[in-house]
Structures are given as structure tokens and as C-alpha cells.
Amino acid sequence: MKPSLPPPPAISLPPPETTGGMPVMSALKLRISSRSFSPRPLTDAMLSRLLWAANGINRPETGQRTAPSACNWQEVDLYVIREDGAYRYDPQKHRLIGVVAGDLRPAAGVQAFVAKAPVVLAFVADLARMRGADADGRSFYPPCDTGYVSANVYLFCASEGLATVALVSVDKPALQKRLGLPVDQVVTLTQPVGYPADPKN
């Protein structure tokens, strides 16, 4: 067995640009699921804005986010899977924390196009944060809260001319294992993001 590689180093993201963009009604008009991606990488500035729009802190005084969360549990984490490794988004410090080295994109969806996207977001629910939730709550709320974050990703991509699609065709236990997650942290969804593929290619 090969020795495991150390996780990639943390990446400090540039401060997100939180003004501008497309009017929300225009973004809604353009929102679409796309399964065709260019290999062109996202810049750190674009990734910074994407992650902040998805589930970043928009009220620093309380630490609350751009996406709602039941009981403010904030149980949904975003993992950023790229060719160089997998990272967990840390909203408090607006940075990426290295988790696993290597390209896990093929494990983030069963369809071939997933591995071509420069970034795949994996939504992970940390059930240990849901203090006071019963079994029904633990099964109901994480998919709902994941949906709010995913919708933010869709609208940001529509505004910025990026392609994205939410995926349920994922071997979630296998991805959970590849990410090294404990049993109370479960993958709920993945969502590749990138520039649209050139239709001429």
C-alpha cells in the first residue's frame, strides 16, 4: 500500500467582491443546469466570490450566512474538489483548508463530465452540530439546507456566466470515505462548477 500524501496546504482566498453582478430577476431568467465544462480553471478571485455567495458570512457581527440554516445549526460544509486536491471551505477565515491530496473529481459523480469540471463542490452535513434534533430532523433538515446553498451557487453561476448542475448520482459513501469523513458527516450533494465548454470543441 502506498503511503498517503499529506493534505495540500491551506489557501487564503482574496476578500470576496460583494457588490455588482446581475440583477436577481435576470439571473433567475438565465439559471440553467449544464453538463458541459471547459477545463479552464477558476481564478482565486472567482472562487472567493463563488464560495461567499454559496454560504459565506454576510453578517460578521453574528456569523450568519448567505444561505438560511435551520436553528442556525450551520451544519452544511462546502468541500472544494479540484485537480490538486480536496479542501474544506472555512467561512470564518474565508480560506480553503487542505483535506486530501490528489484528484477526487472522478469520485464526485458517476458521469464522465464531472471529472472535467475545474471545481466540484461537495456538500457535507455535520450531524453532530444539530444539537437537539431528533431522527426525523436529522434526515429532513440537511437536504433542505443543502438546497438553499445549491440554489445560491446556481444564481451566482447564472450571473457570472458559469456552468453548473446539482448531482444526486453520486456514490456518497465512497466519496465520504475518500474525503476521510467520520460517520456523522455525510455527503448530501455534489455540484460541478466551471466555464461552459466551447461548443466548437
N, C-alpha and C. Protein backbone atom coordinates (compact mmCIF):
# COMPACT_ATOMS: atom_id res chain seq x y z
N MET A 1 0.84 -1.19 0.00
CA MET A 1 0.00 0.00 0.00
C MET A 1 0.88 1.25 0.00
N LYS A 2 0.55 2.20 -0.88
CA LYS A 2 1.32 3.44 -0.94
C LYS A 2 1.07 4.28 0.31
N PRO A 3 2.10 4.96 0.82
CA PRO A 3 1.84 5.88 1.92
C PRO A 3 0.98 7.04 1.45
N SER A 4 0.06 7.48 2.30
CA SER A 4 -0.83 8.58 1.90
C SER A 4 -0.05 9.89 1.84
N LEU A 5 -0.40 10.70 0.88
CA LEU A 5 0.24 12.00 0.73
C LEU A 5 -0.31 12.97 1.77
N PRO A 6 0.50 13.92 2.21
CA PRO A 6 -0.03 14.93 3.13
C PRO A 6 -1.08 15.78 2.43
N PRO A 7 -2.03 16.33 3.17
CA PRO A 7 -3.04 17.17 2.53
C PRO A 7 -2.40 18.42 1.95
N PRO A 8 -3.03 19.01 0.95
CA PRO A 8 -2.48 20.24 0.37
C PRO A 8 -2.52 21.37 1.40
N PRO A 9 -1.65 22.35 1.25
CA PRO A 9 -1.64 23.46 2.21
C PRO A 9 -2.91 24.31 2.10
N ALA A 10 -3.21 25.01 3.18
CA ALA A 10 -4.36 25.92 3.19
C ALA A 10 -4.15 27.04 2.17
N ILE A 11 -5.24 27.54 1.64
CA ILE A 11 -5.21 28.63 0.67
C ILE A 11 -6.03 29.78 1.22
N SER A 12 -5.40 30.93 1.42
CA SER A 12 -6.12 32.13 1.82
C SER A 12 -6.74 32.76 0.58
N LEU A 13 -8.04 32.89 0.57
CA LEU A 13 -8.74 33.46 -0.57
C LEU A 13 -8.74 34.98 -0.49
N PRO A 14 -8.73 35.66 -1.64
CA PRO A 14 -8.85 37.12 -1.60
C PRO A 14 -10.23 37.51 -1.06
N PRO A 15 -10.35 38.69 -0.47
CA PRO A 15 -11.67 39.12 0.02
C PRO A 15 -12.69 39.08 -1.12
N PRO A 16 -13.89 38.59 -0.84
CA PRO A 16 -14.88 38.50 -1.92
C PRO A 16 -15.41 39.86 -2.33
N GLU A 17 -15.62 40.04 -3.60
CA GLU A 17 -16.30 41.23 -4.10
C GLU A 17 -17.79 41.00 -3.94
N THR A 18 -18.42 41.77 -3.08
CA THR A 18 -19.83 41.51 -2.74
C THR A 18 -20.77 42.55 -3.33
N THR A 19 -20.30 43.32 -4.29
CA THR A 19 -21.18 44.25 -4.99
C THR A 19 -21.18 43.90 -6.47
N GLY A 20 -22.08 44.50 -7.21
CA GLY A 20 -22.15 44.25 -8.64
C GLY A 20 -22.90 42.98 -8.94
N GLY A 21 -22.61 42.40 -10.07
CA GLY A 21 -23.32 41.22 -10.51
C GLY A 21 -24.62 41.58 -11.21
N MET A 22 -25.32 40.57 -11.61
CA MET A 22 -26.54 40.71 -12.39
C MET A 22 -27.75 40.89 -11.47
N PRO A 23 -28.75 41.68 -11.88
CA PRO A 23 -29.99 41.73 -11.09
C PRO A 23 -30.57 40.33 -10.91
N VAL A 24 -31.15 40.08 -9.74
CA VAL A 24 -31.58 38.73 -9.41
C VAL A 24 -32.62 38.20 -10.40
N MET A 25 -33.51 39.05 -10.91
CA MET A 25 -34.51 38.57 -11.86
C MET A 25 -33.86 38.14 -13.17
N SER A 26 -32.80 38.83 -13.56
CA SER A 26 -32.08 38.44 -14.77
C SER A 26 -31.35 37.12 -14.55
N ALA A 27 -30.77 36.95 -13.36
CA ALA A 27 -30.08 35.69 -13.05
C ALA A 27 -31.07 34.53 -13.04
N LEU A 28 -32.25 34.75 -12.49
CA LEU A 28 -33.27 33.70 -12.49
C LEU A 28 -33.68 33.32 -13.91
N LYS A 29 -33.74 34.31 -14.78
CA LYS A 29 -34.11 34.04 -16.17
C LYS A 29 -33.06 33.17 -16.86
N LEU A 30 -31.80 33.33 -16.47
CA LEU A 30 -30.69 32.62 -17.11
C LEU A 30 -30.30 31.33 -16.40
N ARG A 31 -30.89 31.06 -15.24
CA ARG A 31 -30.49 29.87 -14.47
C ARG A 31 -30.78 28.61 -15.26
N ILE A 32 -29.75 27.75 -15.34
CA ILE A 32 -29.87 26.53 -16.14
C ILE A 32 -28.92 25.48 -15.59
N SER A 33 -29.24 24.22 -15.77
CA SER A 33 -28.31 23.13 -15.46
C SER A 33 -27.51 22.80 -16.70
N SER A 34 -26.19 22.75 -16.55
CA SER A 34 -25.31 22.47 -17.67
C SER A 34 -24.35 21.36 -17.31
N ARG A 35 -24.13 20.45 -18.24
CA ARG A 35 -23.26 19.29 -18.01
C ARG A 35 -22.05 19.28 -18.93
N SER A 36 -21.69 20.45 -19.44
CA SER A 36 -20.57 20.56 -20.36
C SER A 36 -19.64 21.65 -19.86
N PHE A 37 -18.39 21.28 -19.56
CA PHE A 37 -17.48 22.20 -18.90
C PHE A 37 -16.17 22.34 -19.67
N SER A 38 -15.65 23.55 -19.65
CA SER A 38 -14.30 23.82 -20.14
C SER A 38 -13.31 23.47 -19.03
N PRO A 39 -12.10 23.01 -19.38
CA PRO A 39 -11.09 22.75 -18.35
C PRO A 39 -10.46 24.02 -17.78
N ARG A 40 -10.83 25.16 -18.32
CA ARG A 40 -10.27 26.42 -17.84
C ARG A 40 -10.48 26.57 -16.33
N PRO A 41 -9.41 26.80 -15.57
CA PRO A 41 -9.57 26.88 -14.11
C PRO A 41 -10.28 28.16 -13.67
N LEU A 42 -10.89 28.10 -12.51
CA LEU A 42 -11.44 29.30 -11.89
C LEU A 42 -10.31 30.03 -11.17
N THR A 43 -10.27 31.33 -11.31
CA THR A 43 -9.28 32.11 -10.57
C THR A 43 -9.62 32.10 -9.08
N ASP A 44 -8.64 32.42 -8.25
CA ASP A 44 -8.91 32.51 -6.81
C ASP A 44 -9.96 33.57 -6.52
N ALA A 45 -9.95 34.66 -7.30
CA ALA A 45 -10.94 35.72 -7.08
C ALA A 45 -12.34 35.21 -7.39
N MET A 46 -12.49 34.45 -8.48
CA MET A 46 -13.81 33.90 -8.83
C MET A 46 -14.24 32.87 -7.79
N LEU A 47 -13.31 32.02 -7.37
CA LEU A 47 -13.64 31.02 -6.35
C LEU A 47 -14.04 31.69 -5.04
N SER A 48 -13.36 32.77 -4.70
CA SER A 48 -13.69 33.52 -3.49
C SER A 48 -15.13 34.02 -3.53
N ARG A 49 -15.51 34.58 -4.65
CA ARG A 49 -16.87 35.11 -4.79
C ARG A 49 -17.90 33.99 -4.80
N LEU A 50 -17.58 32.89 -5.49
CA LEU A 50 -18.49 31.75 -5.55
C LEU A 50 -18.78 31.19 -4.16
N LEU A 51 -17.74 30.98 -3.37
CA LEU A 51 -17.93 30.38 -2.05
C LEU A 51 -18.64 31.33 -1.10
N TRP A 52 -18.32 32.61 -1.20
CA TRP A 52 -19.02 33.58 -0.34
C TRP A 52 -20.50 33.62 -0.72
N ALA A 53 -20.79 33.65 -2.03
CA ALA A 53 -22.20 33.67 -2.46
C ALA A 53 -22.92 32.40 -2.02
N ALA A 54 -22.23 31.28 -2.06
CA ALA A 54 -22.86 30.00 -1.73
C ALA A 54 -23.23 29.93 -0.26
N ASN A 55 -22.28 30.19 0.62
CA ASN A 55 -22.55 30.02 2.05
C ASN A 55 -21.54 30.80 2.90
N GLY A 56 -21.18 31.98 2.42
CA GLY A 56 -20.25 32.81 3.18
C GLY A 56 -20.96 33.62 4.25
N ILE A 57 -20.18 34.30 5.04
CA ILE A 57 -20.72 35.11 6.13
C ILE A 57 -21.10 36.49 5.60
N ASN A 58 -22.39 36.82 5.68
CA ASN A 58 -22.84 38.14 5.23
C ASN A 58 -23.21 39.06 6.39
N ARG A 59 -23.13 38.54 7.62
CA ARG A 59 -23.37 39.34 8.82
C ARG A 59 -22.27 39.03 9.83
N PRO A 60 -21.14 39.71 9.69
CA PRO A 60 -19.98 39.39 10.53
C PRO A 60 -20.27 39.51 12.02
N GLU A 61 -21.20 40.36 12.40
CA GLU A 61 -21.48 40.55 13.82
C GLU A 61 -22.11 39.31 14.45
N THR A 62 -22.76 38.48 13.65
CA THR A 62 -23.39 37.27 14.18
C THR A 62 -22.81 35.99 13.60
N GLY A 63 -22.04 36.10 12.52
CA GLY A 63 -21.50 34.93 11.85
C GLY A 63 -22.51 34.21 10.97
N GLN A 64 -23.65 34.83 10.71
CA GLN A 64 -24.67 34.18 9.90
C GLN A 64 -24.35 34.31 8.42
N ARG A 65 -25.01 33.50 7.62
CA ARG A 65 -24.57 33.22 6.26
C ARG A 65 -25.50 33.76 5.17
N THR A 66 -25.04 33.62 3.95
CA THR A 66 -25.85 33.99 2.79
C THR A 66 -26.98 33.00 2.54
N ALA A 67 -26.86 31.79 3.07
CA ALA A 67 -27.92 30.77 2.94
C ALA A 67 -28.54 30.52 4.31
N PRO A 68 -29.86 30.35 4.38
CA PRO A 68 -30.50 30.05 5.66
C PRO A 68 -30.14 28.67 6.17
N SER A 69 -30.30 28.50 7.47
CA SER A 69 -29.99 27.22 8.11
C SER A 69 -30.95 27.00 9.27
N ALA A 70 -31.55 25.83 9.33
CA ALA A 70 -32.50 25.52 10.40
C ALA A 70 -31.82 25.66 11.76
N CYS A 71 -32.47 26.40 12.67
CA CYS A 71 -31.98 26.60 14.03
C CYS A 71 -30.56 27.19 14.06
N ASN A 72 -30.13 27.76 12.93
CA ASN A 72 -28.77 28.28 12.80
C ASN A 72 -27.73 27.22 13.16
N TRP A 73 -28.02 25.96 12.84
CA TRP A 73 -27.05 24.89 13.10
C TRP A 73 -25.80 25.04 12.22
N GLN A 74 -26.00 25.60 11.01
CA GLN A 74 -24.89 25.73 10.06
C GLN A 74 -24.17 24.39 9.89
N GLU A 75 -24.97 23.36 9.67
CA GLU A 75 -24.40 22.00 9.60
C GLU A 75 -23.82 21.65 8.24
N VAL A 76 -24.08 22.48 7.23
CA VAL A 76 -23.61 22.17 5.88
C VAL A 76 -22.24 22.80 5.62
N ASP A 77 -21.26 21.96 5.34
CA ASP A 77 -19.93 22.41 4.94
C ASP A 77 -19.78 22.24 3.44
N LEU A 78 -18.97 23.12 2.84
CA LEU A 78 -18.64 23.00 1.42
C LEU A 78 -17.22 22.48 1.29
N TYR A 79 -17.07 21.42 0.52
CA TYR A 79 -15.75 20.91 0.15
C TYR A 79 -15.50 21.26 -1.31
N VAL A 80 -14.32 21.76 -1.58
CA VAL A 80 -13.93 22.17 -2.92
C VAL A 80 -12.96 21.13 -3.46
N ILE A 81 -13.40 20.42 -4.50
CA ILE A 81 -12.60 19.34 -5.07
C ILE A 81 -12.03 19.80 -6.40
N ARG A 82 -10.69 19.81 -6.47
CA ARG A 82 -10.01 20.27 -7.67
C ARG A 82 -8.98 19.22 -8.10
N GLU A 83 -8.30 19.49 -9.19
CA GLU A 83 -7.29 18.54 -9.68
C GLU A 83 -6.18 18.34 -8.65
N ASP A 84 -5.85 19.39 -7.90
CA ASP A 84 -4.71 19.30 -6.97
C ASP A 84 -5.10 18.75 -5.60
N GLY A 85 -6.39 18.58 -5.32
CA GLY A 85 -6.78 18.07 -4.02
C GLY A 85 -8.17 18.52 -3.62
N ALA A 86 -8.56 18.12 -2.42
CA ALA A 86 -9.85 18.49 -1.85
C ALA A 86 -9.62 19.38 -0.65
N TYR A 87 -10.46 20.40 -0.52
CA TYR A 87 -10.34 21.41 0.52
C TYR A 87 -11.70 21.63 1.17
N ARG A 88 -11.68 22.02 2.42
CA ARG A 88 -12.91 22.43 3.10
C ARG A 88 -12.92 23.95 3.20
N TYR A 89 -14.04 24.55 2.81
CA TYR A 89 -14.18 26.00 2.89
C TYR A 89 -14.43 26.41 4.34
N ASP A 90 -13.61 27.32 4.83
CA ASP A 90 -13.74 27.88 6.18
C ASP A 90 -14.32 29.28 6.05
N PRO A 91 -15.64 29.44 6.27
CA PRO A 91 -16.25 30.76 6.08
C PRO A 91 -15.73 31.82 7.05
N GLN A 92 -15.40 31.41 8.27
CA GLN A 92 -14.95 32.39 9.27
C GLN A 92 -13.68 33.10 8.83
N LYS A 93 -12.75 32.36 8.28
CA LYS A 93 -11.49 32.96 7.82
C LYS A 93 -11.43 33.10 6.30
N HIS A 94 -12.48 32.75 5.64
CA HIS A 94 -12.59 32.81 4.18
C HIS A 94 -11.33 32.23 3.53
N ARG A 95 -11.13 30.96 3.77
CA ARG A 95 -9.97 30.25 3.24
C ARG A 95 -10.35 28.82 2.95
N LEU A 96 -9.44 28.12 2.26
CA LEU A 96 -9.60 26.71 1.99
C LEU A 96 -8.62 25.94 2.85
N ILE A 97 -9.10 24.93 3.54
CA ILE A 97 -8.27 24.09 4.38
C ILE A 97 -8.04 22.77 3.65
N GLY A 98 -6.78 22.44 3.40
CA GLY A 98 -6.46 21.22 2.68
C GLY A 98 -6.92 19.98 3.44
N VAL A 99 -7.56 19.05 2.72
CA VAL A 99 -8.09 17.83 3.34
C VAL A 99 -7.40 16.59 2.78
N VAL A 100 -7.41 16.46 1.46
CA VAL A 100 -6.86 15.27 0.80
C VAL A 100 -6.13 15.70 -0.45
N ALA A 101 -4.92 15.20 -0.65
CA ALA A 101 -4.17 15.46 -1.88
C ALA A 101 -4.69 14.56 -3.00
N GLY A 102 -4.50 15.00 -4.23
CA GLY A 102 -4.88 14.19 -5.38
C GLY A 102 -6.23 14.59 -5.95
N ASP A 103 -6.53 14.07 -7.11
CA ASP A 103 -7.73 14.44 -7.85
C ASP A 103 -8.89 13.51 -7.51
N LEU A 104 -9.84 14.00 -6.72
CA LEU A 104 -11.01 13.22 -6.33
C LEU A 104 -12.23 13.51 -7.20
N ARG A 105 -12.07 14.33 -8.23
CA ARG A 105 -13.24 14.68 -9.04
C ARG A 105 -13.95 13.46 -9.64
N PRO A 106 -13.23 12.42 -10.11
CA PRO A 106 -13.96 11.26 -10.63
C PRO A 106 -14.83 10.57 -9.59
N ALA A 107 -14.53 10.77 -8.31
CA ALA A 107 -15.34 10.15 -7.24
C ALA A 107 -16.53 11.01 -6.85
N ALA A 108 -16.63 12.21 -7.44
CA ALA A 108 -17.68 13.14 -7.04
C ALA A 108 -18.94 13.04 -7.89
N GLY A 109 -19.00 12.05 -8.75
CA GLY A 109 -20.18 11.83 -9.58
C GLY A 109 -19.93 10.65 -10.49
N VAL A 110 -21.00 9.99 -10.91
CA VAL A 110 -20.83 8.78 -11.72
C VAL A 110 -20.72 9.09 -13.21
N GLN A 111 -21.03 10.32 -13.62
CA GLN A 111 -20.98 10.68 -15.03
C GLN A 111 -19.62 11.26 -15.39
N ALA A 112 -19.17 10.99 -16.61
CA ALA A 112 -17.80 11.35 -17.01
C ALA A 112 -17.55 12.86 -16.99
N PHE A 113 -18.58 13.66 -17.25
CA PHE A 113 -18.35 15.10 -17.32
C PHE A 113 -17.92 15.71 -15.99
N VAL A 114 -18.22 15.03 -14.87
CA VAL A 114 -17.89 15.58 -13.55
C VAL A 114 -16.39 15.81 -13.43
N ALA A 115 -15.60 14.86 -13.91
CA ALA A 115 -14.14 14.95 -13.78
C ALA A 115 -13.54 16.03 -14.66
N LYS A 116 -14.33 16.57 -15.60
CA LYS A 116 -13.82 17.63 -16.50
C LYS A 116 -14.01 19.02 -15.93
N ALA A 117 -14.91 19.17 -14.97
CA ALA A 117 -15.13 20.49 -14.37
C ALA A 117 -13.93 20.87 -13.52
N PRO A 118 -13.49 22.13 -13.57
CA PRO A 118 -12.32 22.50 -12.76
C PRO A 118 -12.57 22.45 -11.26
N VAL A 119 -13.83 22.60 -10.85
CA VAL A 119 -14.19 22.57 -9.43
C VAL A 119 -15.46 21.73 -9.28
N VAL A 120 -15.45 20.86 -8.29
CA VAL A 120 -16.69 20.18 -7.89
C VAL A 120 -16.91 20.49 -6.42
N LEU A 121 -18.06 21.05 -6.11
CA LEU A 121 -18.42 21.32 -4.73
C LEU A 121 -19.10 20.08 -4.16
N ALA A 122 -18.66 19.65 -2.99
CA ALA A 122 -19.32 18.56 -2.28
C ALA A 122 -19.95 19.15 -1.03
N PHE A 123 -21.24 18.91 -0.84
CA PHE A 123 -21.97 19.41 0.31
C PHE A 123 -21.96 18.31 1.38
N VAL A 124 -21.49 18.65 2.56
CA VAL A 124 -21.35 17.67 3.64
C VAL A 124 -22.09 18.18 4.87
N ALA A 125 -23.02 17.38 5.37
CA ALA A 125 -23.78 17.74 6.57
C ALA A 125 -23.10 17.13 7.80
N ASP A 126 -22.75 17.99 8.74
CA ASP A 126 -22.15 17.55 10.00
C ASP A 126 -23.28 17.41 11.02
N LEU A 127 -23.74 16.19 11.18
CA LEU A 127 -24.92 15.94 12.02
C LEU A 127 -24.65 16.23 13.49
N ALA A 128 -23.38 16.22 13.90
CA ALA A 128 -23.05 16.48 15.30
C ALA A 128 -23.38 17.91 15.70
N ARG A 129 -23.50 18.81 14.73
CA ARG A 129 -23.83 20.21 15.05
C ARG A 129 -25.32 20.41 15.32
N MET A 130 -26.13 19.40 15.00
CA MET A 130 -27.57 19.57 15.09
C MET A 130 -28.06 19.20 16.49
N ARG A 131 -27.65 19.98 17.45
CA ARG A 131 -27.99 19.70 18.85
C ARG A 131 -29.50 19.84 19.06
N GLY A 132 -30.07 18.83 19.69
CA GLY A 132 -31.49 18.85 19.98
C GLY A 132 -32.36 18.29 18.87
N ALA A 133 -31.77 17.96 17.72
CA ALA A 133 -32.57 17.43 16.62
C ALA A 133 -32.86 15.95 16.84
N ASP A 134 -34.11 15.55 16.55
CA ASP A 134 -34.44 14.14 16.63
C ASP A 134 -34.10 13.46 15.30
N ALA A 135 -34.38 12.18 15.19
CA ALA A 135 -34.02 11.43 14.00
C ALA A 135 -34.68 12.01 12.75
N ASP A 136 -35.95 12.41 12.88
CA ASP A 136 -36.64 13.00 11.73
C ASP A 136 -35.96 14.30 11.30
N GLY A 137 -35.59 15.12 12.26
CA GLY A 137 -34.92 16.39 11.95
C GLY A 137 -33.58 16.17 11.28
N ARG A 138 -32.86 15.16 11.73
CA ARG A 138 -31.53 14.89 11.15
C ARG A 138 -31.64 14.40 9.71
N SER A 139 -32.76 13.79 9.36
CA SER A 139 -32.93 13.35 7.98
C SER A 139 -33.58 14.42 7.11
N PHE A 140 -34.37 15.32 7.73
CA PHE A 140 -35.11 16.32 6.95
C PHE A 140 -34.31 17.59 6.68
N TYR A 141 -33.69 18.16 7.71
CA TYR A 141 -33.10 19.49 7.56
C TYR A 141 -31.83 19.56 6.72
N PRO A 142 -30.90 18.61 6.81
CA PRO A 142 -29.68 18.75 5.98
C PRO A 142 -29.95 18.83 4.47
N PRO A 143 -30.86 18.01 3.89
CA PRO A 143 -31.13 18.20 2.47
C PRO A 143 -31.75 19.56 2.16
N CYS A 144 -32.62 20.07 3.05
CA CYS A 144 -33.21 21.39 2.83
C CYS A 144 -32.13 22.47 2.84
N ASP A 145 -31.26 22.43 3.86
CA ASP A 145 -30.23 23.45 3.98
C ASP A 145 -29.22 23.34 2.83
N THR A 146 -28.95 22.11 2.39
CA THR A 146 -28.10 21.92 1.21
C THR A 146 -28.73 22.59 -0.01
N GLY A 147 -30.05 22.44 -0.15
CA GLY A 147 -30.74 23.03 -1.29
C GLY A 147 -30.62 24.54 -1.34
N TYR A 148 -30.66 25.19 -0.18
CA TYR A 148 -30.52 26.65 -0.16
C TYR A 148 -29.13 27.06 -0.67
N VAL A 149 -28.10 26.35 -0.22
CA VAL A 149 -26.74 26.68 -0.64
C VAL A 149 -26.58 26.40 -2.13
N SER A 150 -27.09 25.28 -2.59
CA SER A 150 -27.00 24.93 -4.00
C SER A 150 -27.70 25.96 -4.87
N ALA A 151 -28.85 26.47 -4.41
CA ALA A 151 -29.56 27.50 -5.18
C ALA A 151 -28.73 28.77 -5.29
N ASN A 152 -28.02 29.13 -4.22
CA ASN A 152 -27.12 30.28 -4.29
C ASN A 152 -26.04 30.06 -5.35
N VAL A 153 -25.51 28.83 -5.41
CA VAL A 153 -24.49 28.51 -6.42
C VAL A 153 -25.08 28.68 -7.82
N TYR A 154 -26.27 28.19 -8.04
CA TYR A 154 -26.92 28.32 -9.34
C TYR A 154 -27.06 29.79 -9.74
N LEU A 155 -27.53 30.62 -8.82
CA LEU A 155 -27.75 32.03 -9.17
C LEU A 155 -26.43 32.75 -9.41
N PHE A 156 -25.41 32.44 -8.61
CA PHE A 156 -24.10 33.05 -8.84
C PHE A 156 -23.58 32.65 -10.22
N CYS A 157 -23.70 31.38 -10.56
CA CYS A 157 -23.21 30.92 -11.87
C CYS A 157 -23.97 31.58 -13.01
N ALA A 158 -25.27 31.73 -12.86
CA ALA A 158 -26.04 32.42 -13.90
C ALA A 158 -25.56 33.85 -14.07
N SER A 159 -25.28 34.53 -12.96
CA SER A 159 -24.82 35.92 -13.00
C SER A 159 -23.44 36.05 -13.63
N GLU A 160 -22.58 35.05 -13.41
CA GLU A 160 -21.18 35.14 -13.84
C GLU A 160 -20.88 34.39 -15.13
N GLY A 161 -21.88 33.81 -15.74
CA GLY A 161 -21.65 33.08 -16.98
C GLY A 161 -20.95 31.76 -16.80
N LEU A 162 -21.13 31.13 -15.63
CA LEU A 162 -20.53 29.84 -15.35
C LEU A 162 -21.55 28.73 -15.55
N ALA A 163 -21.05 27.52 -15.76
CA ALA A 163 -21.91 26.34 -15.90
C ALA A 163 -21.93 25.58 -14.58
N THR A 164 -23.08 24.98 -14.26
CA THR A 164 -23.19 24.16 -13.05
C THR A 164 -24.38 23.23 -13.17
N VAL A 165 -24.37 22.19 -12.34
CA VAL A 165 -25.51 21.27 -12.24
C VAL A 165 -25.42 20.58 -10.90
N ALA A 166 -26.54 20.45 -10.22
CA ALA A 166 -26.59 19.71 -8.96
C ALA A 166 -26.75 18.23 -9.26
N LEU A 167 -26.01 17.39 -8.52
CA LEU A 167 -25.97 15.96 -8.80
C LEU A 167 -26.40 15.13 -7.60
N VAL A 168 -27.25 14.18 -7.85
CA VAL A 168 -27.55 13.15 -6.83
C VAL A 168 -26.99 11.80 -7.24
N SER A 169 -26.53 11.68 -8.51
CA SER A 169 -25.94 10.43 -8.99
C SER A 169 -24.48 10.38 -8.52
N VAL A 170 -24.33 10.09 -7.24
CA VAL A 170 -23.02 10.09 -6.60
C VAL A 170 -22.96 8.88 -5.66
N ASP A 171 -21.84 8.19 -5.65
CA ASP A 171 -21.62 7.15 -4.65
C ASP A 171 -21.19 7.87 -3.37
N LYS A 172 -22.17 8.27 -2.60
CA LYS A 172 -21.89 9.13 -1.44
C LYS A 172 -21.02 8.45 -0.39
N PRO A 173 -21.28 7.19 -0.03
CA PRO A 173 -20.39 6.55 0.94
C PRO A 173 -18.94 6.47 0.46
N ALA A 174 -18.74 6.22 -0.85
CA ALA A 174 -17.38 6.15 -1.38
C ALA A 174 -16.69 7.50 -1.30
N LEU A 175 -17.42 8.57 -1.65
CA LEU A 175 -16.83 9.90 -1.58
C LEU A 175 -16.56 10.29 -0.13
N GLN A 176 -17.47 9.93 0.75
CA GLN A 176 -17.27 10.19 2.18
C GLN A 176 -15.97 9.53 2.65
N LYS A 177 -15.73 8.32 2.20
CA LYS A 177 -14.51 7.61 2.59
C LYS A 177 -13.29 8.28 2.00
N ARG A 178 -13.37 8.69 0.73
CA ARG A 178 -12.22 9.34 0.08
C ARG A 178 -11.87 10.66 0.76
N LEU A 179 -12.88 11.34 1.26
CA LEU A 179 -12.65 12.61 1.97
C LEU A 179 -12.20 12.40 3.41
N GLY A 180 -12.26 11.15 3.88
CA GLY A 180 -11.86 10.87 5.25
C GLY A 180 -12.82 11.38 6.29
N LEU A 181 -14.11 11.37 5.97
CA LEU A 181 -15.11 11.93 6.88
C LEU A 181 -15.54 10.90 7.91
N PRO A 182 -15.81 11.33 9.15
CA PRO A 182 -16.36 10.40 10.15
C PRO A 182 -17.81 10.07 9.83
N VAL A 183 -18.37 9.13 10.58
CA VAL A 183 -19.70 8.62 10.26
C VAL A 183 -20.80 9.68 10.40
N ASP A 184 -20.58 10.70 11.26
CA ASP A 184 -21.63 11.70 11.45
C ASP A 184 -21.48 12.89 10.51
N GLN A 185 -20.60 12.77 9.50
CA GLN A 185 -20.51 13.77 8.44
C GLN A 185 -20.84 13.09 7.12
N VAL A 186 -21.95 13.49 6.51
CA VAL A 186 -22.46 12.76 5.36
C VAL A 186 -22.55 13.67 4.13
N VAL A 187 -22.19 13.11 2.99
CA VAL A 187 -22.31 13.83 1.72
C VAL A 187 -23.79 13.89 1.33
N THR A 188 -24.28 15.08 1.03
CA THR A 188 -25.68 15.24 0.64
C THR A 188 -25.87 15.51 -0.86
N LEU A 189 -24.85 16.10 -1.50
CA LEU A 189 -24.99 16.53 -2.90
C LEU A 189 -23.60 16.88 -3.41
N THR A 190 -23.42 16.82 -4.73
CA THR A 190 -22.24 17.44 -5.33
C THR A 190 -22.70 18.36 -6.45
N GLN A 191 -21.83 19.30 -6.82
CA GLN A 191 -22.21 20.30 -7.82
C GLN A 191 -20.96 20.79 -8.55
N PRO A 192 -20.69 20.29 -9.75
CA PRO A 192 -19.56 20.80 -10.52
C PRO A 192 -19.80 22.22 -10.98
N VAL A 193 -18.73 22.99 -11.05
CA VAL A 193 -18.80 24.39 -11.48
C VAL A 193 -17.61 24.68 -12.40
N GLY A 194 -17.87 25.40 -13.47
CA GLY A 194 -16.78 25.80 -14.36
C GLY A 194 -17.31 26.68 -15.48
N TYR A 195 -16.41 27.06 -16.36
CA TYR A 195 -16.83 27.80 -17.54
C TYR A 195 -17.47 26.84 -18.53
N PRO A 196 -18.45 27.29 -19.28
CA PRO A 196 -19.07 26.41 -20.26
C PRO A 196 -18.06 25.95 -21.30
N ALA A 197 -18.21 24.72 -21.78
CA ALA A 197 -17.34 24.22 -22.85
C ALA A 197 -17.59 25.00 -24.13
N ASP A 198 -16.55 25.20 -24.89
CA ASP A 198 -16.67 25.84 -26.20
C ASP A 198 -17.45 24.91 -27.12
N PRO A 199 -18.59 25.35 -27.64
CA PRO A 199 -19.41 24.45 -28.47
C PRO A 199 -18.68 24.02 -29.74
N LYS A 200 -17.61 24.73 -30.13
CA LYS A 200 -16.86 24.37 -31.33
C LYS A 200 -15.94 23.18 -31.10
N ASN A 201 -15.68 22.87 -29.79
CA ASN A 201 -14.75 21.78 -29.48
C ASN A 201 -15.50 20.49 -29.15
